[in-house]
Amino acid sequence: MIVLNGTVRMPEGALADLQAAAGRMVAATLQEPGCIRYAFAQDLLDRTLIHISEAWQDKAALDAHFATPHMVEWIAALGAIGMTERNLRIYETDEGIAV
């Protein structure tokens, strides 16, 4: 399993634009083969920080995701919104242990 976790930072006041673009992106991505989890969340203490959490069946599924039309649209939307920081990491892991 491939896990992608990290954050992006948006300018103050950009949340509504981000939500519209992210809603389309998440809905399309959740329909992709190999997508296990795909979620964004606004930080509770820093309103400009967005947490990203993804899980994919394998690297091939994640690579295919990066090539989708909705990913191209998402990258353009982030640029238009004015993303100021991007910190994402990809990990190869098993499914973990429930606690």
PDB file of N, CA and C in Angstrom:
ATOM      1  N   MET A   1       0.860  -1.172   0.000  1.00  0.00           N
ATOM      2  CA  MET A   1       0.000   0.000   0.000  1.00  0.00           C
ATOM      3  C   MET A   1       0.904   1.231   0.000  1.00  0.00           C
ATOM      4  N   ILE A   2       0.457   2.260  -0.695  1.00  0.00           N
ATOM      5  CA  ILE A   2       1.146   3.550  -0.750  1.00  0.00           C
ATOM      6  C   ILE A   2       0.315   4.572   0.024  1.00  0.00           C
ATOM      7  N   VAL A   3       0.969   5.301   0.929  1.00  0.00           N
ATOM      8  CA  VAL A   3       0.312   6.352   1.699  1.00  0.00           C
ATOM      9  C   VAL A   3       0.978   7.671   1.360  1.00  0.00           C
ATOM     10  N   LEU A   4       0.187   8.672   1.086  1.00  0.00           N
ATOM     11  CA  LEU A   4       0.680  10.029   0.855  1.00  0.00           C
ATOM     12  C   LEU A   4       0.063  10.901   1.937  1.00  0.00           C
ATOM     13  N   ASN A   5       0.912  11.591   2.692  1.00  0.00           N
ATOM     14  CA  ASN A   5       0.451  12.497   3.749  1.00  0.00           C
ATOM     15  C   ASN A   5       1.209  13.804   3.635  1.00  0.00           C
ATOM     16  N   GLY A   6       0.560  14.876   4.023  1.00  0.00           N
ATOM     17  CA  GLY A   6       1.252  16.154   4.045  1.00  0.00           C
ATOM     18  C   GLY A   6       0.304  17.318   4.153  1.00  0.00           C
ATOM     19  N   THR A   7       0.834  18.478   3.792  1.00  0.00           N
ATOM     20  CA  THR A   7       0.062  19.713   3.911  1.00  0.00           C
ATOM     21  C   THR A   7       0.309  20.619   2.715  1.00  0.00           C
ATOM     22  N   VAL A   8      -0.663  21.481   2.476  1.00  0.00           N
ATOM     23  CA  VAL A   8      -0.507  22.625   1.581  1.00  0.00           C
ATOM     24  C   VAL A   8      -1.023  23.840   2.346  1.00  0.00           C
ATOM     25  N   ARG A   9      -0.503  24.993   1.993  1.00  0.00           N
ATOM     26  CA  ARG A   9      -0.916  26.228   2.667  1.00  0.00           C
ATOM     27  C   ARG A   9      -1.551  27.162   1.646  1.00  0.00           C
ATOM     28  N   MET A  10      -2.674  27.735   2.039  1.00  0.00           N
ATOM     29  CA  MET A  10      -3.417  28.663   1.205  1.00  0.00           C
ATOM     30  C   MET A  10      -3.376  30.062   1.802  1.00  0.00           C
ATOM     31  N   PRO A  11      -3.546  31.078   0.974  1.00  0.00           N
ATOM     32  CA  PRO A  11      -3.634  32.435   1.514  1.00  0.00           C
ATOM     33  C   PRO A  11      -4.913  32.604   2.346  1.00  0.00           C
ATOM     34  N   GLU A  12      -4.885  33.540   3.268  1.00  0.00           N
ATOM     35  CA  GLU A  12      -6.095  33.887   4.026  1.00  0.00           C
ATOM     36  C   GLU A  12      -7.224  34.198   3.041  1.00  0.00           C
ATOM     37  N   GLY A  13      -8.416  33.712   3.326  1.00  0.00           N
ATOM     38  CA  GLY A  13      -9.584  34.022   2.504  1.00  0.00           C
ATOM     39  C   GLY A  13      -9.753  33.142   1.281  1.00  0.00           C
ATOM     40  N   ALA A  14      -8.893  32.147   1.080  1.00  0.00           N
ATOM     41  CA  ALA A  14      -8.974  31.311  -0.118  1.00  0.00           C
ATOM     42  C   ALA A  14      -9.756  30.018   0.103  1.00  0.00           C
ATOM     43  N   LEU A  15     -10.294  29.821   1.304  1.00  0.00           N
ATOM     44  CA  LEU A  15     -10.924  28.546   1.633  1.00  0.00           C
ATOM     45  C   LEU A  15     -12.109  28.213   0.725  1.00  0.00           C
ATOM     46  N   ALA A  16     -12.962  29.151   0.428  1.00  0.00           N
ATOM     47  CA  ALA A  16     -14.136  28.860  -0.410  1.00  0.00           C
ATOM     48  C   ALA A  16     -13.711  28.381  -1.798  1.00  0.00           C
ATOM     49  N   ASP A  17     -12.719  29.037  -2.376  1.00  0.00           N
ATOM     50  CA  ASP A  17     -12.228  28.605  -3.685  1.00  0.00           C
ATOM     51  C   ASP A  17     -11.598  27.223  -3.600  1.00  0.00           C
ATOM     52  N   LEU A  18     -10.850  26.986  -2.527  1.00  0.00           N
ATOM     53  CA  LEU A  18     -10.216  25.681  -2.334  1.00  0.00           C
ATOM     54  C   LEU A  18     -11.272  24.594  -2.170  1.00  0.00           C
ATOM     55  N   GLN A  19     -12.311  24.863  -1.400  1.00  0.00           N
ATOM     56  CA  GLN A  19     -13.357  23.862  -1.171  1.00  0.00           C
ATOM     57  C   GLN A  19     -14.046  23.467  -2.469  1.00  0.00           C
ATOM     58  N   ALA A  20     -14.323  24.415  -3.330  1.00  0.00           N
ATOM     59  CA  ALA A  20     -14.980  24.103  -4.598  1.00  0.00           C
ATOM     60  C   ALA A  20     -14.097  23.196  -5.449  1.00  0.00           C
ATOM     61  N   ALA A  21     -12.828  23.556  -5.596  1.00  0.00           N
ATOM     62  CA  ALA A  21     -11.904  22.763  -6.403  1.00  0.00           C
ATOM     63  C   ALA A  21     -11.640  21.404  -5.757  1.00  0.00           C
ATOM     64  N   ALA A  22     -11.460  21.385  -4.445  1.00  0.00           N
ATOM     65  CA  ALA A  22     -11.176  20.133  -3.734  1.00  0.00           C
ATOM     66  C   ALA A  22     -12.373  19.187  -3.783  1.00  0.00           C
ATOM     67  N   GLY A  23     -13.570  19.714  -3.708  1.00  0.00           N
ATOM     68  CA  GLY A  23     -14.761  18.864  -3.777  1.00  0.00           C
ATOM     69  C   GLY A  23     -14.825  18.093  -5.083  1.00  0.00           C
ATOM     70  N   ARG A  24     -14.546  18.772  -6.186  1.00  0.00           N
ATOM     71  CA  ARG A  24     -14.527  18.101  -7.489  1.00  0.00           C
ATOM     72  C   ARG A  24     -13.400  17.065  -7.542  1.00  0.00           C
ATOM     73  N   MET A  25     -12.244  17.432  -7.031  1.00  0.00           N
ATOM     74  CA  MET A  25     -11.084  16.554  -7.065  1.00  0.00           C
ATOM     75  C   MET A  25     -11.315  15.295  -6.237  1.00  0.00           C
ATOM     76  N   VAL A  26     -11.801  15.457  -5.025  1.00  0.00           N
ATOM     77  CA  VAL A  26     -12.024  14.311  -4.144  1.00  0.00           C
ATOM     78  C   VAL A  26     -13.074  13.380  -4.742  1.00  0.00           C
ATOM     79  N   ALA A  27     -14.175  13.914  -5.227  1.00  0.00           N
ATOM     80  CA  ALA A  27     -15.239  13.078  -5.802  1.00  0.00           C
ATOM     81  C   ALA A  27     -14.718  12.246  -6.971  1.00  0.00           C
ATOM     82  N   ALA A  28     -13.949  12.858  -7.851  1.00  0.00           N
ATOM     83  CA  ALA A  28     -13.405  12.130  -8.998  1.00  0.00           C
ATOM     84  C   ALA A  28     -12.360  11.113  -8.564  1.00  0.00           C
ATOM     85  N   THR A  29     -11.507  11.492  -7.636  1.00  0.00           N
ATOM     86  CA  THR A  29     -10.425  10.607  -7.199  1.00  0.00           C
ATOM     87  C   THR A  29     -10.954   9.370  -6.489  1.00  0.00           C
ATOM     88  N   LEU A  30     -11.985   9.519  -5.682  1.00  0.00           N
ATOM     89  CA  LEU A  30     -12.537   8.371  -4.966  1.00  0.00           C
ATOM     90  C   LEU A  30     -13.099   7.309  -5.912  1.00  0.00           C
ATOM     91  N   GLN A  31     -13.348   7.668  -7.167  1.00  0.00           N
ATOM     92  CA  GLN A  31     -13.836   6.713  -8.162  1.00  0.00           C
ATOM     93  C   GLN A  31     -12.708   5.989  -8.895  1.00  0.00           C
ATOM     94  N   GLU A  32     -11.469   6.403  -8.659  1.00  0.00           N
ATOM     95  CA  GLU A  32     -10.340   5.807  -9.376  1.00  0.00           C
ATOM     96  C   GLU A  32     -10.021   4.406  -8.857  1.00  0.00           C
ATOM     97  N   PRO A  33      -9.643   3.502  -9.777  1.00  0.00           N
ATOM     98  CA  PRO A  33      -9.183   2.181  -9.338  1.00  0.00           C
ATOM     99  C   PRO A  33      -7.953   2.326  -8.441  1.00  0.00           C
ATOM    100  N   GLY A  34      -7.932   1.589  -7.347  1.00  0.00           N
ATOM    101  CA  GLY A  34      -6.780   1.593  -6.461  1.00  0.00           C
ATOM    102  C   GLY A  34      -6.802   2.651  -5.381  1.00  0.00           C
ATOM    103  N   CYS A  35      -7.786   3.561  -5.406  1.00  0.00           N
ATOM    104  CA  CYS A  35      -7.883   4.586  -4.365  1.00  0.00           C
ATOM    105  C   CYS A  35      -8.556   3.985  -3.138  1.00  0.00           C
ATOM    106  N   ILE A  36      -7.847   4.002  -2.020  1.00  0.00           N
ATOM    107  CA  ILE A  36      -8.374   3.483  -0.759  1.00  0.00           C
ATOM    108  C   ILE A  36      -8.915   4.627   0.104  1.00  0.00           C
ATOM    109  N   ARG A  37      -8.167   5.723   0.150  1.00  0.00           N
ATOM    110  CA  ARG A  37      -8.580   6.891   0.947  1.00  0.00           C
ATOM    111  C   ARG A  37      -8.041   8.141   0.272  1.00  0.00           C
ATOM    112  N   TYR A  38      -8.855   9.201   0.290  1.00  0.00           N
ATOM    113  CA  TYR A  38      -8.436  10.474  -0.285  1.00  0.00           C
ATOM    114  C   TYR A  38      -9.195  11.564   0.453  1.00  0.00           C
ATOM    115  N   ALA A  39      -8.501  12.308   1.311  1.00  0.00           N
ATOM    116  CA  ALA A  39      -9.206  13.272   2.150  1.00  0.00           C
ATOM    117  C   ALA A  39      -8.362  14.511   2.408  1.00  0.00           C
ATOM    118  N   PHE A  40      -9.042  15.637   2.502  1.00  0.00           N
ATOM    119  CA  PHE A  40      -8.433  16.914   2.869  1.00  0.00           C
ATOM    120  C   PHE A  40      -9.110  17.386   4.153  1.00  0.00           C
ATOM    121  N   ALA A  41      -8.353  18.089   5.005  1.00  0.00           N
ATOM    122  CA  ALA A  41      -8.924  18.639   6.236  1.00  0.00           C
ATOM    123  C   ALA A  41      -8.222  19.940   6.578  1.00  0.00           C
ATOM    124  N   GLN A  42      -9.002  20.916   6.977  1.00  0.00           N
ATOM    125  CA  GLN A  42      -8.435  22.187   7.416  1.00  0.00           C
ATOM    126  C   GLN A  42      -7.918  22.030   8.840  1.00  0.00           C
ATOM    127  N   ASP A  43      -6.738  22.547   9.108  1.00  0.00           N
ATOM    128  CA  ASP A  43      -6.153  22.501  10.442  1.00  0.00           C
ATOM    129  C   ASP A  43      -7.020  23.300  11.417  1.00  0.00           C
ATOM    130  N   LEU A  44      -7.202  22.793  12.620  1.00  0.00           N
ATOM    131  CA  LEU A  44      -8.048  23.468  13.608  1.00  0.00           C
ATOM    132  C   LEU A  44      -7.427  24.743  14.165  1.00  0.00           C
ATOM    133  N   LEU A  45      -6.105  24.805  14.211  1.00  0.00           N
ATOM    134  CA  LEU A  45      -5.436  25.962  14.804  1.00  0.00           C
ATOM    135  C   LEU A  45      -4.865  26.932  13.775  1.00  0.00           C
ATOM    136  N   ASP A  46      -4.613  26.457  12.579  1.00  0.00           N
ATOM    137  CA  ASP A  46      -4.043  27.290  11.512  1.00  0.00           C
ATOM    138  C   ASP A  46      -4.962  27.194  10.303  1.00  0.00           C
ATOM    139  N   ARG A  47      -5.831  28.157  10.128  1.00  0.00           N
ATOM    140  CA  ARG A  47      -6.889  28.104   9.107  1.00  0.00           C
ATOM    141  C   ARG A  47      -6.358  28.137   7.675  1.00  0.00           C
ATOM    142  N   THR A  48      -5.083  28.429   7.478  1.00  0.00           N
ATOM    143  CA  THR A  48      -4.513  28.447   6.129  1.00  0.00           C
ATOM    144  C   THR A  48      -3.822  27.125   5.780  1.00  0.00           C
ATOM    145  N   LEU A  49      -3.777  26.192   6.715  1.00  0.00           N
ATOM    146  CA  LEU A  49      -3.082  24.920   6.507  1.00  0.00           C
ATOM    147  C   LEU A  49      -4.088  23.811   6.220  1.00  0.00           C
ATOM    148  N   ILE A  50      -3.876  23.095   5.111  1.00  0.00           N
ATOM    149  CA  ILE A  50      -4.752  21.995   4.708  1.00  0.00           C
ATOM    150  C   ILE A  50      -3.958  20.693   4.780  1.00  0.00           C
ATOM    151  N   HIS A  51      -4.488  19.718   5.509  1.00  0.00           N
ATOM    152  CA  HIS A  51      -3.860  18.404   5.625  1.00  0.00           C
ATOM    153  C   HIS A  51      -4.405  17.491   4.531  1.00  0.00           C
ATOM    154  N   ILE A  52      -3.523  16.731   3.924  1.00  0.00           N
ATOM    155  CA  ILE A  52      -3.897  15.787   2.869  1.00  0.00           C
ATOM    156  C   ILE A  52      -3.537  14.385   3.328  1.00  0.00           C
ATOM    157  N   SER A  53      -4.474  13.453   3.172  1.00  0.00           N
ATOM    158  CA  SER A  53      -4.252  12.063   3.552  1.00  0.00           C
ATOM    159  C   SER A  53      -4.782  11.169   2.434  1.00  0.00           C
ATOM    160  N   GLU A  54      -3.891  10.382   1.858  1.00  0.00           N
ATOM    161  CA  GLU A  54      -4.258   9.484   0.765  1.00  0.00           C
ATOM    162  C   GLU A  54      -3.722   8.090   1.044  1.00  0.00           C
ATOM    163  N   ALA A  55      -4.421   7.073   0.553  1.00  0.00           N
ATOM    164  CA  ALA A  55      -3.922   5.701   0.561  1.00  0.00           C
ATOM    165  C   ALA A  55      -4.295   5.077  -0.783  1.00  0.00           C
ATOM    166  N   TRP A  56      -3.327   4.374  -1.361  1.00  0.00           N
ATOM    167  CA  TRP A  56      -3.475   3.773  -2.685  1.00  0.00           C
ATOM    168  C   TRP A  56      -3.068   2.308  -2.626  1.00  0.00           C
ATOM    169  N   GLN A  57      -3.699   1.511  -3.437  1.00  0.00           N
ATOM    170  CA  GLN A  57      -3.410   0.087  -3.487  1.00  0.00           C
ATOM    171  C   GLN A  57      -1.933  -0.163  -3.817  1.00  0.00           C
ATOM    172  N   ASP A  58      -1.395   0.610  -4.761  1.00  0.00           N
ATOM    173  CA  ASP A  58       0.003   0.441  -5.151  1.00  0.00           C
ATOM    174  C   ASP A  58       0.495   1.696  -5.873  1.00  0.00           C
ATOM    175  N   LYS A  59       1.784   1.723  -6.184  1.00  0.00           N
ATOM    176  CA  LYS A  59       2.391   2.882  -6.828  1.00  0.00           C
ATOM    177  C   LYS A  59       1.801   3.110  -8.217  1.00  0.00           C
ATOM    178  N   ALA A  60       1.452   2.047  -8.920  1.00  0.00           N
ATOM    179  CA  ALA A  60       0.853   2.189 -10.253  1.00  0.00           C
ATOM    180  C   ALA A  60      -0.462   2.966 -10.180  1.00  0.00           C
ATOM    181  N   ALA A  61      -1.276   2.715  -9.159  1.00  0.00           N
ATOM    182  CA  ALA A  61      -2.545   3.438  -8.999  1.00  0.00           C
ATOM    183  C   ALA A  61      -2.282   4.913  -8.716  1.00  0.00           C
ATOM    184  N   LEU A  62      -1.294   5.203  -7.869  1.00  0.00           N
ATOM    185  CA  LEU A  62      -0.960   6.599  -7.582  1.00  0.00           C
ATOM    186  C   LEU A  62      -0.419   7.289  -8.827  1.00  0.00           C
ATOM    187  N   ASP A  63       0.451   6.621  -9.569  1.00  0.00           N
ATOM    188  CA  ASP A  63       0.980   7.192 -10.811  1.00  0.00           C
ATOM    189  C   ASP A  63      -0.140   7.488 -11.804  1.00  0.00           C
ATOM    190  N   ALA A  64      -1.105   6.578 -11.925  1.00  0.00           N
ATOM    191  CA  ALA A  64      -2.244   6.802 -12.818  1.00  0.00           C
ATOM    192  C   ALA A  64      -3.064   8.003 -12.357  1.00  0.00           C
ATOM    193  N   HIS A  65      -3.210   8.161 -11.051  1.00  0.00           N
ATOM    194  CA  HIS A  65      -3.933   9.307 -10.484  1.00  0.00           C
ATOM    195  C   HIS A  65      -3.292  10.628 -10.917  1.00  0.00           C
ATOM    196  N   PHE A  66      -1.964  10.682 -10.857  1.00  0.00           N
ATOM    197  CA  PHE A  66      -1.257  11.912 -11.222  1.00  0.00           C
ATOM    198  C   PHE A  66      -1.481  12.295 -12.689  1.00  0.00           C
ATOM    199  N   ALA A  67      -1.875  11.338 -13.522  1.00  0.00           N
ATOM    200  CA  ALA A  67      -2.069  11.593 -14.953  1.00  0.00           C
ATOM    201  C   ALA A  67      -3.521  11.876 -15.342  1.00  0.00           C
ATOM    202  N   THR A  68      -4.438  11.928 -14.374  1.00  0.00           N
ATOM    203  CA  THR A  68      -5.856  12.120 -14.690  1.00  0.00           C
ATOM    204  C   THR A  68      -6.174  13.583 -15.028  1.00  0.00           C
ATOM    205  N   PRO A  69      -7.212  13.811 -15.827  1.00  0.00           N
ATOM    206  CA  PRO A  69      -7.622  15.186 -16.129  1.00  0.00           C
ATOM    207  C   PRO A  69      -7.992  15.980 -14.876  1.00  0.00           C
ATOM    208  N   HIS A  70      -8.627  15.341 -13.876  1.00  0.00           N
ATOM    209  CA  HIS A  70      -8.993  16.093 -12.672  1.00  0.00           C
ATOM    210  C   HIS A  70      -7.761  16.483 -11.859  1.00  0.00           C
ATOM    211  N   MET A  71      -6.663  15.748 -11.988  1.00  0.00           N
ATOM    212  CA  MET A  71      -5.431  16.152 -11.308  1.00  0.00           C
ATOM    213  C   MET A  71      -4.819  17.373 -12.002  1.00  0.00           C
ATOM    214  N   VAL A  72      -4.867  17.396 -13.316  1.00  0.00           N
ATOM    215  CA  VAL A  72      -4.387  18.565 -14.067  1.00  0.00           C
ATOM    216  C   VAL A  72      -5.203  19.798 -13.674  1.00  0.00           C
ATOM    217  N   GLU A  73      -6.519  19.634 -13.574  1.00  0.00           N
ATOM    218  CA  GLU A  73      -7.399  20.729 -13.159  1.00  0.00           C
ATOM    219  C   GLU A  73      -7.071  21.178 -11.736  1.00  0.00           C
ATOM    220  N   TRP A  74      -6.799  20.217 -10.844  1.00  0.00           N
ATOM    221  CA  TRP A  74      -6.492  20.523  -9.448  1.00  0.00           C
ATOM    222  C   TRP A  74      -5.205  21.334  -9.339  1.00  0.00           C
ATOM    223  N   ILE A  75      -4.176  20.935 -10.055  1.00  0.00           N
ATOM    224  CA  ILE A  75      -2.901  21.657 -10.014  1.00  0.00           C
ATOM    225  C   ILE A  75      -3.091  23.092 -10.505  1.00  0.00           C
ATOM    226  N   ALA A  76      -3.872  23.264 -11.559  1.00  0.00           N
ATOM    227  CA  ALA A  76      -4.158  24.617 -12.052  1.00  0.00           C
ATOM    228  C   ALA A  76      -4.928  25.423 -11.012  1.00  0.00           C
ATOM    229  N   ALA A  77      -5.876  24.781 -10.341  1.00  0.00           N
ATOM    230  CA  ALA A  77      -6.672  25.474  -9.308  1.00  0.00           C
ATOM    231  C   ALA A  77      -5.786  25.907  -8.152  1.00  0.00           C
ATOM    232  N   LEU A  78      -4.854  25.051  -7.729  1.00  0.00           N
ATOM    233  CA  LEU A  78      -3.945  25.429  -6.644  1.00  0.00           C
ATOM    234  C   LEU A  78      -3.122  26.655  -7.016  1.00  0.00           C
ATOM    235  N   GLY A  79      -2.684  26.703  -8.266  1.00  0.00           N
ATOM    236  CA  GLY A  79      -1.937  27.871  -8.729  1.00  0.00           C
ATOM    237  C   GLY A  79      -2.794  29.119  -8.724  1.00  0.00           C
ATOM    238  N   ALA A  80      -4.032  29.000  -9.185  1.00  0.00           N
ATOM    239  CA  ALA A  80      -4.936  30.150  -9.237  1.00  0.00           C
ATOM    240  C   ALA A  80      -5.316  30.628  -7.833  1.00  0.00           C
ATOM    241  N   ILE A  81      -5.457  29.689  -6.908  1.00  0.00           N
ATOM    242  CA  ILE A  81      -5.808  30.029  -5.531  1.00  0.00           C
ATOM    243  C   ILE A  81      -4.635  30.706  -4.834  1.00  0.00           C
ATOM    244  N   GLY A  82      -3.433  30.330  -5.217  1.00  0.00           N
ATOM    245  CA  GLY A  82      -2.244  30.943  -4.625  1.00  0.00           C
ATOM    246  C   GLY A  82      -1.595  30.108  -3.540  1.00  0.00           C
ATOM    247  N   MET A  83      -1.535  28.778  -3.757  1.00  0.00           N
ATOM    248  CA  MET A  83      -0.870  27.919  -2.786  1.00  0.00           C
ATOM    249  C   MET A  83       0.519  28.485  -2.493  1.00  0.00           C
ATOM    250  N   THR A  84       0.848  28.613  -1.216  1.00  0.00           N
ATOM    251  CA  THR A  84       2.128  29.216  -0.849  1.00  0.00           C
ATOM    252  C   THR A  84       3.122  28.214  -0.288  1.00  0.00           C
ATOM    253  N   GLU A  85       2.673  26.999   0.008  1.00  0.00           N
ATOM    254  CA  GLU A  85       3.561  25.987   0.594  1.00  0.00           C
ATOM    255  C   GLU A  85       3.009  24.610   0.276  1.00  0.00           C
ATOM    256  N   ARG A  86       3.888  23.680   0.000  1.00  0.00           N
ATOM    257  CA  ARG A  86       3.499  22.291  -0.295  1.00  0.00           C
ATOM    258  C   ARG A  86       4.499  21.374   0.378  1.00  0.00           C
ATOM    259  N   ASN A  87       4.011  20.484   1.249  1.00  0.00           N
ATOM    260  CA  ASN A  87       4.872  19.549   1.959  1.00  0.00           C
ATOM    261  C   ASN A  87       4.181  18.187   1.958  1.00  0.00           C
ATOM    262  N   LEU A  88       4.505  17.358   0.974  1.00  0.00           N
ATOM    263  CA  LEU A  88       3.872  16.048   0.832  1.00  0.00           C
ATOM    264  C   LEU A  88       4.940  14.963   0.838  1.00  0.00           C
ATOM    265  N   ARG A  89       4.624  13.823   1.435  1.00  0.00           N
ATOM    266  CA  ARG A  89       5.543  12.685   1.493  1.00  0.00           C
ATOM    267  C   ARG A  89       4.791  11.417   1.104  1.00  0.00           C
ATOM    268  N   ILE A  90       5.479  10.541   0.364  1.00  0.00           N
ATOM    269  CA  ILE A  90       4.924   9.255  -0.043  1.00  0.00           C
ATOM    270  C   ILE A  90       5.638   8.162   0.736  1.00  0.00           C
ATOM    271  N   TYR A  91       4.851   7.227   1.281  1.00  0.00           N
ATOM    272  CA  TYR A  91       5.387   6.115   2.060  1.00  0.00           C
ATOM    273  C   TYR A  91       4.868   4.802   1.501  1.00  0.00           C
ATOM    274  N   GLU A  92       5.708   3.795   1.486  1.00  0.00           N
ATOM    275  CA  GLU A  92       5.278   2.446   1.160  1.00  0.00           C
ATOM    276  C   GLU A  92       5.125   1.698   2.482  1.00  0.00           C
ATOM    277  N   THR A  93       3.965   1.087   2.693  1.00  0.00           N
ATOM    278  CA  THR A  93       3.669   0.489   3.992  1.00  0.00           C
ATOM    279  C   THR A  93       2.726  -0.698   3.830  1.00  0.00           C
ATOM    280  N   ASP A  94       2.479  -1.388   4.916  1.00  0.00           N
ATOM    281  CA  ASP A  94       1.423  -2.394   4.916  1.00  0.00           C
ATOM    282  C   ASP A  94       0.136  -1.695   5.370  1.00  0.00           C
ATOM    283  N   GLU A  95      -0.873  -2.473   5.682  1.00  0.00           N
ATOM    284  CA  GLU A  95      -2.150  -1.869   6.080  1.00  0.00           C
ATOM    285  C   GLU A  95      -2.198  -1.469   7.540  1.00  0.00           C
ATOM    286  N   GLY A  96      -1.138  -1.706   8.271  1.00  0.00           N
ATOM    287  CA  GLY A  96      -1.093  -1.283   9.659  1.00  0.00           C
ATOM    288  C   GLY A  96      -1.896  -2.199  10.577  1.00  0.00           C
ATOM    289  N   ILE A  97      -1.885  -1.849  11.842  1.00  0.00           N
ATOM    290  CA  ILE A  97      -2.584  -2.599  12.878  1.00  0.00           C
ATOM    291  C   ILE A  97      -3.605  -1.666  13.535  1.00  0.00           C
ATOM    292  N   ALA A  98      -4.852  -2.077  13.596  1.00  0.00           N
ATOM    293  CA  ALA A  98      -5.889  -1.262  14.257  1.00  0.00           C
ATOM    294  C   ALA A  98      -5.623  -1.224  15.757  1.00  0.00           C
ATOM    295  N   VAL A  99      -5.761  -0.053  16.326  1.00  0.00           N
ATOM    296  CA  VAL A  99      -5.561   0.101  17.774  1.00  0.00           C
ATOM    297  C   VAL A  99      -6.804   0.666  18.425  1.00  0.00           C
TER     298      VAL A  99
END
